[in-house]
Amino acid sequence: MRIVEPGEEHADEECPVCLDELTSNVGGETASEEEAASAVVREMPCRHRFHGGCIDKWLGMNGSCPVCRYRMPAAEEEEPK
């Protein structure tokens, strides 16, 4: 997934998973890893945007976009050792 810079064109856009604004400034020097991941905005191939932490958690449980159900390609199976 592509990481995008939140800008003015996305000022009113919400993350469809948590419903918080994509441009909200989560983080800071004391931010946890989860908060830092949520500060990143990721764009799926279907062009829907989410907080990085939100979409990572969602895709861990569901293999599709929560908005349009675009099916993410499955990761290649790890070869047996």
PDB file of N, CA and C in Angstrom:
ATOM      1  N   MET A   1       0.834  -1.179   0.000  1.00  0.00           N
ATOM      2  CA  MET A   1       0.000   0.000   0.000  1.00  0.00           C
ATOM      3  C   MET A   1       0.878   1.241   0.000  1.00  0.00           C
ATOM      4  N   ARG A   2       0.392   2.217  -0.655  1.00  0.00           N
ATOM      5  CA  ARG A   2       1.108   3.478  -0.794  1.00  0.00           C
ATOM      6  C   ARG A   2       0.856   4.366   0.430  1.00  0.00           C
ATOM      7  N   ILE A   3       1.915   5.021   0.918  1.00  0.00           N
ATOM      8  CA  ILE A   3       1.787   6.004   1.989  1.00  0.00           C
ATOM      9  C   ILE A   3       1.612   7.364   1.339  1.00  0.00           C
ATOM     10  N   VAL A   4       0.606   8.118   1.770  1.00  0.00           N
ATOM     11  CA  VAL A   4       0.341   9.439   1.200  1.00  0.00           C
ATOM     12  C   VAL A   4       0.492  10.497   2.282  1.00  0.00           C
ATOM     13  N   GLU A   5       0.862  11.678   1.859  1.00  0.00           N
ATOM     14  CA  GLU A   5       0.981  12.815   2.768  1.00  0.00           C
ATOM     15  C   GLU A   5      -0.394  13.464   2.900  1.00  0.00           C
ATOM     16  N   PRO A   6      -0.920  13.562   4.123  1.00  0.00           N
ATOM     17  CA  PRO A   6      -2.203  14.249   4.268  1.00  0.00           C
ATOM     18  C   PRO A   6      -2.029  15.726   3.952  1.00  0.00           C
ATOM     19  N   GLY A   7      -2.891  16.246   3.115  1.00  0.00           N
ATOM     20  CA  GLY A   7      -2.792  17.644   2.706  1.00  0.00           C
ATOM     21  C   GLY A   7      -4.132  18.334   2.773  1.00  0.00           C
ATOM     22  N   GLU A   8      -4.164  19.544   2.261  1.00  0.00           N
ATOM     23  CA  GLU A   8      -5.396  20.333   2.297  1.00  0.00           C
ATOM     24  C   GLU A   8      -6.529  19.667   1.531  1.00  0.00           C
ATOM     25  N   GLU A   9      -6.204  18.949   0.446  1.00  0.00           N
ATOM     26  CA  GLU A   9      -7.257  18.301  -0.338  1.00  0.00           C
ATOM     27  C   GLU A   9      -7.949  17.190   0.444  1.00  0.00           C
ATOM     28  N   HIS A  10      -7.339  16.727   1.550  1.00  0.00           N
ATOM     29  CA  HIS A  10      -7.931  15.678   2.380  1.00  0.00           C
ATOM     30  C   HIS A  10      -8.359  16.218   3.741  1.00  0.00           C
ATOM     31  N   ALA A  11      -8.474  17.537   3.852  1.00  0.00           N
ATOM     32  CA  ALA A  11      -8.723  18.175   5.151  1.00  0.00           C
ATOM     33  C   ALA A  11      -9.996  17.671   5.827  1.00  0.00           C
ATOM     34  N   ASP A  12     -11.036  17.398   5.077  1.00  0.00           N
ATOM     35  CA  ASP A  12     -12.304  16.961   5.664  1.00  0.00           C
ATOM     36  C   ASP A  12     -12.492  15.451   5.609  1.00  0.00           C
ATOM     37  N   GLU A  13     -11.483  14.730   5.176  1.00  0.00           N
ATOM     38  CA  GLU A  13     -11.605  13.288   4.993  1.00  0.00           C
ATOM     39  C   GLU A  13     -11.440  12.556   6.327  1.00  0.00           C
ATOM     40  N   GLU A  14     -12.282  11.551   6.548  1.00  0.00           N
ATOM     41  CA  GLU A  14     -12.218  10.734   7.756  1.00  0.00           C
ATOM     42  C   GLU A  14     -11.692   9.352   7.429  1.00  0.00           C
ATOM     43  N   CYS A  15     -11.066   8.731   8.403  1.00  0.00           N
ATOM     44  CA  CYS A  15     -10.688   7.328   8.277  1.00  0.00           C
ATOM     45  C   CYS A  15     -11.973   6.511   8.422  1.00  0.00           C
ATOM     46  N   PRO A  16     -12.336   5.700   7.432  1.00  0.00           N
ATOM     47  CA  PRO A  16     -13.575   4.926   7.517  1.00  0.00           C
ATOM     48  C   PRO A  16     -13.587   3.881   8.633  1.00  0.00           C
ATOM     49  N   VAL A  17     -12.427   3.543   9.173  1.00  0.00           N
ATOM     50  CA  VAL A  17     -12.374   2.536  10.232  1.00  0.00           C
ATOM     51  C   VAL A  17     -12.654   3.167  11.598  1.00  0.00           C
ATOM     52  N   CYS A  18     -11.920   4.238  11.952  1.00  0.00           N
ATOM     53  CA  CYS A  18     -12.062   4.840  13.285  1.00  0.00           C
ATOM     54  C   CYS A  18     -12.908   6.106  13.288  1.00  0.00           C
ATOM     55  N   LEU A  19     -13.197   6.648  12.113  1.00  0.00           N
ATOM     56  CA  LEU A  19     -14.001   7.858  11.919  1.00  0.00           C
ATOM     57  C   LEU A  19     -13.338   9.141  12.416  1.00  0.00           C
ATOM     58  N   ASP A  20     -12.034   9.098  12.729  1.00  0.00           N
ATOM     59  CA  ASP A  20     -11.284  10.313  13.060  1.00  0.00           C
ATOM     60  C   ASP A  20     -10.768  10.932  11.769  1.00  0.00           C
ATOM     61  N   GLU A  21     -10.465  12.224  11.817  1.00  0.00           N
ATOM     62  CA  GLU A  21      -9.932  12.903  10.640  1.00  0.00           C
ATOM     63  C   GLU A  21      -8.576  12.322  10.255  1.00  0.00           C
ATOM     64  N   LEU A  22      -8.350  12.180   8.956  1.00  0.00           N
ATOM     65  CA  LEU A  22      -7.057  11.683   8.484  1.00  0.00           C
ATOM     66  C   LEU A  22      -5.945  12.678   8.757  1.00  0.00           C
ATOM     67  N   THR A  23      -6.280  13.955   8.784  1.00  0.00           N
ATOM     68  CA  THR A  23      -5.253  14.974   8.968  1.00  0.00           C
ATOM     69  C   THR A  23      -4.974  15.278  10.427  1.00  0.00           C
ATOM     70  N   SER A  24      -5.691  14.610  11.357  1.00  0.00           N
ATOM     71  CA  SER A  24      -5.429  14.877  12.769  1.00  0.00           C
ATOM     72  C   SER A  24      -4.000  14.494  13.091  1.00  0.00           C
ATOM     73  N   ASN A  25      -3.344  15.318  13.849  1.00  0.00           N
ATOM     74  CA  ASN A  25      -1.932  15.112  14.154  1.00  0.00           C
ATOM     75  C   ASN A  25      -1.801  14.221  15.374  1.00  0.00           C
ATOM     76  N   VAL A  26      -1.711  12.928  15.154  1.00  0.00           N
ATOM     77  CA  VAL A  26      -1.496  11.970  16.223  1.00  0.00           C
ATOM     78  C   VAL A  26      -0.005  11.761  16.334  1.00  0.00           C
ATOM     79  N   GLY A  27       0.509  11.754  17.521  1.00  0.00           N
ATOM     80  CA  GLY A  27       1.934  11.463  17.648  1.00  0.00           C
ATOM     81  C   GLY A  27       2.632  12.417  18.573  1.00  0.00           C
ATOM     82  N   GLY A  28       3.892  12.653  18.265  1.00  0.00           N
ATOM     83  CA  GLY A  28       4.725  13.455  19.126  1.00  0.00           C
ATOM     84  C   GLY A  28       5.871  12.607  19.622  1.00  0.00           C
ATOM     85  N   GLU A  29       6.709  13.194  20.442  1.00  0.00           N
ATOM     86  CA  GLU A  29       7.897  12.471  20.889  1.00  0.00           C
ATOM     87  C   GLU A  29       7.560  11.305  21.799  1.00  0.00           C
ATOM     88  N   THR A  30       6.432  11.370  22.517  1.00  0.00           N
ATOM     89  CA  THR A  30       6.083  10.297  23.438  1.00  0.00           C
ATOM     90  C   THR A  30       5.054   9.345  22.839  1.00  0.00           C
ATOM     91  N   ALA A  31       4.828   9.431  21.562  1.00  0.00           N
ATOM     92  CA  ALA A  31       3.817   8.589  20.913  1.00  0.00           C
ATOM     93  C   ALA A  31       4.250   7.131  20.924  1.00  0.00           C
ATOM     94  N   SER A  32       3.277   6.252  21.155  1.00  0.00           N
ATOM     95  CA  SER A  32       3.557   4.823  21.083  1.00  0.00           C
ATOM     96  C   SER A  32       3.669   4.419  19.616  1.00  0.00           C
ATOM     97  N   GLU A  33       4.129   3.197  19.378  1.00  0.00           N
ATOM     98  CA  GLU A  33       4.237   2.707  17.996  1.00  0.00           C
ATOM     99  C   GLU A  33       2.873   2.686  17.330  1.00  0.00           C
ATOM    100  N   GLU A  34       1.838   2.318  18.079  1.00  0.00           N
ATOM    101  CA  GLU A  34       0.484   2.258  17.514  1.00  0.00           C
ATOM    102  C   GLU A  34       0.004   3.650  17.114  1.00  0.00           C
ATOM    103  N   GLU A  35       0.267   4.655  17.955  1.00  0.00           N
ATOM    104  CA  GLU A  35      -0.124   6.023  17.620  1.00  0.00           C
ATOM    105  C   GLU A  35       0.645   6.530  16.414  1.00  0.00           C
ATOM    106  N   ALA A  36       1.933   6.195  16.340  1.00  0.00           N
ATOM    107  CA  ALA A  36       2.752   6.622  15.202  1.00  0.00           C
ATOM    108  C   ALA A  36       2.242   5.989  13.914  1.00  0.00           C
ATOM    109  N   ALA A  37       1.847   4.706  13.967  1.00  0.00           N
ATOM    110  CA  ALA A  37       1.314   4.029  12.779  1.00  0.00           C
ATOM    111  C   ALA A  37       0.001   4.662  12.345  1.00  0.00           C
ATOM    112  N   SER A  38      -0.798   5.120  13.307  1.00  0.00           N
ATOM    113  CA  SER A  38      -2.072   5.747  12.974  1.00  0.00           C
ATOM    114  C   SER A  38      -1.891   7.123  12.360  1.00  0.00           C
ATOM    115  N   ALA A  39      -0.749   7.765  12.604  1.00  0.00           N
ATOM    116  CA  ALA A  39      -0.490   9.088  12.038  1.00  0.00           C
ATOM    117  C   ALA A  39      -0.180   9.004  10.550  1.00  0.00           C
ATOM    118  N   VAL A  40       0.233   7.833  10.075  1.00  0.00           N
ATOM    119  CA  VAL A  40       0.535   7.615   8.662  1.00  0.00           C
ATOM    120  C   VAL A  40      -0.775   7.394   7.922  1.00  0.00           C
ATOM    121  N   VAL A  41      -0.906   7.992   6.739  1.00  0.00           N
ATOM    122  CA  VAL A  41      -2.100   7.782   5.914  1.00  0.00           C
ATOM    123  C   VAL A  41      -1.715   6.852   4.773  1.00  0.00           C
ATOM    124  N   ARG A  42      -2.443   5.753   4.645  1.00  0.00           N
ATOM    125  CA  ARG A  42      -2.172   4.779   3.590  1.00  0.00           C
ATOM    126  C   ARG A  42      -3.320   4.756   2.604  1.00  0.00           C
ATOM    127  N   GLU A  43      -2.956   4.539   1.332  1.00  0.00           N
ATOM    128  CA  GLU A  43      -3.954   4.471   0.267  1.00  0.00           C
ATOM    129  C   GLU A  43      -3.927   3.076  -0.334  1.00  0.00           C
ATOM    130  N   MET A  44      -5.077   2.432  -0.360  1.00  0.00           N
ATOM    131  CA  MET A  44      -5.189   1.099  -0.954  1.00  0.00           C
ATOM    132  C   MET A  44      -5.254   1.222  -2.472  1.00  0.00           C
ATOM    133  N   PRO A  45      -5.072   0.127  -3.194  1.00  0.00           N
ATOM    134  CA  PRO A  45      -5.150   0.169  -4.660  1.00  0.00           C
ATOM    135  C   PRO A  45      -6.494   0.693  -5.176  1.00  0.00           C
ATOM    136  N   CYS A  46      -7.548   0.560  -4.381  1.00  0.00           N
ATOM    137  CA  CYS A  46      -8.868   1.061  -4.770  1.00  0.00           C
ATOM    138  C   CYS A  46      -9.001   2.564  -4.516  1.00  0.00           C
ATOM    139  N   ARG A  47      -7.943   3.195  -4.011  1.00  0.00           N
ATOM    140  CA  ARG A  47      -7.828   4.638  -3.784  1.00  0.00           C
ATOM    141  C   ARG A  47      -8.508   5.131  -2.500  1.00  0.00           C
ATOM    142  N   HIS A  48      -8.986   4.237  -1.641  1.00  0.00           N
ATOM    143  CA  HIS A  48      -9.524   4.656  -0.355  1.00  0.00           C
ATOM    144  C   HIS A  48      -8.365   4.846   0.614  1.00  0.00           C
ATOM    145  N   ARG A  49      -8.486   5.841   1.489  1.00  0.00           N
ATOM    146  CA  ARG A  49      -7.405   6.200   2.414  1.00  0.00           C
ATOM    147  C   ARG A  49      -7.805   5.910   3.856  1.00  0.00           C
ATOM    148  N   PHE A  50      -6.805   5.508   4.641  1.00  0.00           N
ATOM    149  CA  PHE A  50      -7.015   5.124   6.036  1.00  0.00           C
ATOM    150  C   PHE A  50      -5.797   5.509   6.861  1.00  0.00           C
ATOM    151  N   HIS A  51      -5.970   5.598   8.186  1.00  0.00           N
ATOM    152  CA  HIS A  51      -4.807   5.668   9.063  1.00  0.00           C
ATOM    153  C   HIS A  51      -4.067   4.338   8.913  1.00  0.00           C
ATOM    154  N   GLY A  52      -2.751   4.382   8.912  1.00  0.00           N
ATOM    155  CA  GLY A  52      -1.956   3.169   8.743  1.00  0.00           C
ATOM    156  C   GLY A  52      -2.291   2.092   9.765  1.00  0.00           C
ATOM    157  N   GLY A  53      -2.369   2.469  11.032  1.00  0.00           N
ATOM    158  CA  GLY A  53      -2.668   1.499  12.084  1.00  0.00           C
ATOM    159  C   GLY A  53      -4.059   0.908  11.951  1.00  0.00           C
ATOM    160  N   CYS A  54      -5.009   1.732  11.527  1.00  0.00           N
ATOM    161  CA  CYS A  54      -6.393   1.263  11.379  1.00  0.00           C
ATOM    162  C   CYS A  54      -6.505   0.223  10.269  1.00  0.00           C
ATOM    163  N   ILE A  55      -5.925   0.517   9.108  1.00  0.00           N
ATOM    164  CA  ILE A  55      -6.066  -0.417   7.982  1.00  0.00           C
ATOM    165  C   ILE A  55      -5.229  -1.675   8.200  1.00  0.00           C
ATOM    166  N   ASP A  56      -4.087  -1.547   8.885  1.00  0.00           N
ATOM    167  CA  ASP A  56      -3.293  -2.742   9.196  1.00  0.00           C
ATOM    168  C   ASP A  56      -4.091  -3.696  10.073  1.00  0.00           C
ATOM    169  N   LYS A  57      -4.737  -3.141  11.096  1.00  0.00           N
ATOM    170  CA  LYS A  57      -5.544  -3.961  12.002  1.00  0.00           C
ATOM    171  C   LYS A  57      -6.728  -4.574  11.253  1.00  0.00           C
ATOM    172  N   TRP A  58      -7.394  -3.762  10.410  1.00  0.00           N
ATOM    173  CA  TRP A  58      -8.547  -4.242   9.640  1.00  0.00           C
ATOM    174  C   TRP A  58      -8.144  -5.388   8.711  1.00  0.00           C
ATOM    175  N   LEU A  59      -7.061  -5.189   7.959  1.00  0.00           N
ATOM    176  CA  LEU A  59      -6.640  -6.209   7.000  1.00  0.00           C
ATOM    177  C   LEU A  59      -6.132  -7.468   7.691  1.00  0.00           C
ATOM    178  N   GLY A  60      -5.723  -7.354   8.951  1.00  0.00           N
ATOM    179  CA  GLY A  60      -5.339  -8.534   9.716  1.00  0.00           C
ATOM    180  C   GLY A  60      -6.528  -9.443   9.994  1.00  0.00           C
ATOM    181  N   MET A  61      -7.733  -8.859  10.021  1.00  0.00           N
ATOM    182  CA  MET A  61      -8.948  -9.631  10.279  1.00  0.00           C
ATOM    183  C   MET A  61      -9.754  -9.892   9.014  1.00  0.00           C
ATOM    184  N   ASN A  62      -9.672  -8.970   8.051  1.00  0.00           N
ATOM    185  CA  ASN A  62     -10.446  -9.055   6.805  1.00  0.00           C
ATOM    186  C   ASN A  62      -9.491  -8.791   5.651  1.00  0.00           C
ATOM    187  N   GLY A  63      -9.647  -9.454   4.577  1.00  0.00           N
ATOM    188  CA  GLY A  63      -8.737  -9.275   3.452  1.00  0.00           C
ATOM    189  C   GLY A  63      -9.224  -8.309   2.395  1.00  0.00           C
ATOM    190  N   SER A  64     -10.149  -7.409   2.783  1.00  0.00           N
ATOM    191  CA  SER A  64     -10.716  -6.509   1.778  1.00  0.00           C
ATOM    192  C   SER A  64     -10.881  -5.099   2.333  1.00  0.00           C
ATOM    193  N   CYS A  65     -11.065  -4.153   1.423  1.00  0.00           N
ATOM    194  CA  CYS A  65     -11.281  -2.756   1.787  1.00  0.00           C
ATOM    195  C   CYS A  65     -12.594  -2.645   2.565  1.00  0.00           C
ATOM    196  N   PRO A  66     -12.605  -1.930   3.696  1.00  0.00           N
ATOM    197  CA  PRO A  66     -13.847  -1.793   4.458  1.00  0.00           C
ATOM    198  C   PRO A  66     -14.898  -0.921   3.772  1.00  0.00           C
ATOM    199  N   VAL A  67     -14.522  -0.192   2.726  1.00  0.00           N
ATOM    200  CA  VAL A  67     -15.468   0.682   2.033  1.00  0.00           C
ATOM    201  C   VAL A  67     -16.092  -0.024   0.832  1.00  0.00           C
ATOM    202  N   CYS A  68     -15.249  -0.559  -0.059  1.00  0.00           N
ATOM    203  CA  CYS A  68     -15.761  -1.105  -1.327  1.00  0.00           C
ATOM    204  C   CYS A  68     -15.570  -2.616  -1.467  1.00  0.00           C
ATOM    205  N   ARG A  69     -14.960  -3.239  -0.478  1.00  0.00           N
ATOM    206  CA  ARG A  69     -14.707  -4.691  -0.481  1.00  0.00           C
ATOM    207  C   ARG A  69     -13.692  -5.142  -1.531  1.00  0.00           C
ATOM    208  N   TYR A  70     -12.857  -4.201  -2.016  1.00  0.00           N
ATOM    209  CA  TYR A  70     -11.777  -4.576  -2.932  1.00  0.00           C
ATOM    210  C   TYR A  70     -10.921  -5.614  -2.227  1.00  0.00           C
ATOM    211  N   ARG A  71     -10.699  -6.735  -2.866  1.00  0.00           N
ATOM    212  CA  ARG A  71      -9.956  -7.845  -2.291  1.00  0.00           C
ATOM    213  C   ARG A  71      -8.463  -7.604  -2.448  1.00  0.00           C
ATOM    214  N   MET A  72      -7.743  -7.493  -1.342  1.00  0.00           N
ATOM    215  CA  MET A  72      -6.294  -7.334  -1.394  1.00  0.00           C
ATOM    216  C   MET A  72      -5.675  -8.659  -1.813  1.00  0.00           C
ATOM    217  N   PRO A  73      -4.626  -8.606  -2.646  1.00  0.00           N
ATOM    218  CA  PRO A  73      -3.956  -9.846  -3.030  1.00  0.00           C
ATOM    219  C   PRO A  73      -3.348 -10.503  -1.800  1.00  0.00           C
ATOM    220  N   ALA A  74      -3.477 -11.803  -1.714  1.00  0.00           N
ATOM    221  CA  ALA A  74      -2.912 -12.543  -0.581  1.00  0.00           C
ATOM    222  C   ALA A  74      -1.397 -12.542  -0.681  1.00  0.00           C
ATOM    223  N   ALA A  75      -0.742 -12.434   0.458  1.00  0.00           N
ATOM    224  CA  ALA A  75       0.723 -12.504   0.481  1.00  0.00           C
ATOM    225  C   ALA A  75       1.142 -13.908   0.072  1.00  0.00           C
ATOM    226  N   GLU A  76       2.255 -13.995  -0.617  1.00  0.00           N
ATOM    227  CA  GLU A  76       2.729 -15.301  -1.051  1.00  0.00           C
ATOM    228  C   GLU A  76       3.023 -16.166   0.163  1.00  0.00           C
ATOM    229  N   GLU A  77       2.646 -17.418   0.047  1.00  0.00           N
ATOM    230  CA  GLU A  77       2.876 -18.362   1.133  1.00  0.00           C
ATOM    231  C   GLU A  77       4.367 -18.532   1.353  1.00  0.00           C
ATOM    232  N   GLU A  78       4.757 -18.604   2.613  1.00  0.00           N
ATOM    233  CA  GLU A  78       6.165 -18.812   2.942  1.00  0.00           C
ATOM    234  C   GLU A  78       6.535 -20.251   2.613  1.00  0.00           C
ATOM    235  N   GLU A  79       7.681 -20.429   1.974  1.00  0.00           N
ATOM    236  CA  GLU A  79       8.115 -21.771   1.600  1.00  0.00           C
ATOM    237  C   GLU A  79       8.530 -22.547   2.838  1.00  0.00           C
ATOM    238  N   PRO A  80       8.170 -23.843   2.916  1.00  0.00           N
ATOM    239  CA  PRO A  80       8.579 -24.660   4.065  1.00  0.00           C
ATOM    240  C   PRO A  80      10.093 -24.806   4.102  1.00  0.00           C
ATOM    241  N   LYS A  81      10.632 -24.846   5.314  1.00  0.00           N
ATOM    242  CA  LYS A  81      12.086 -24.956   5.476  1.00  0.00           C
ATOM    243  C   LYS A  81      12.505 -26.372   5.734  1.00  0.00           C
TER     244      LYS A  81
END
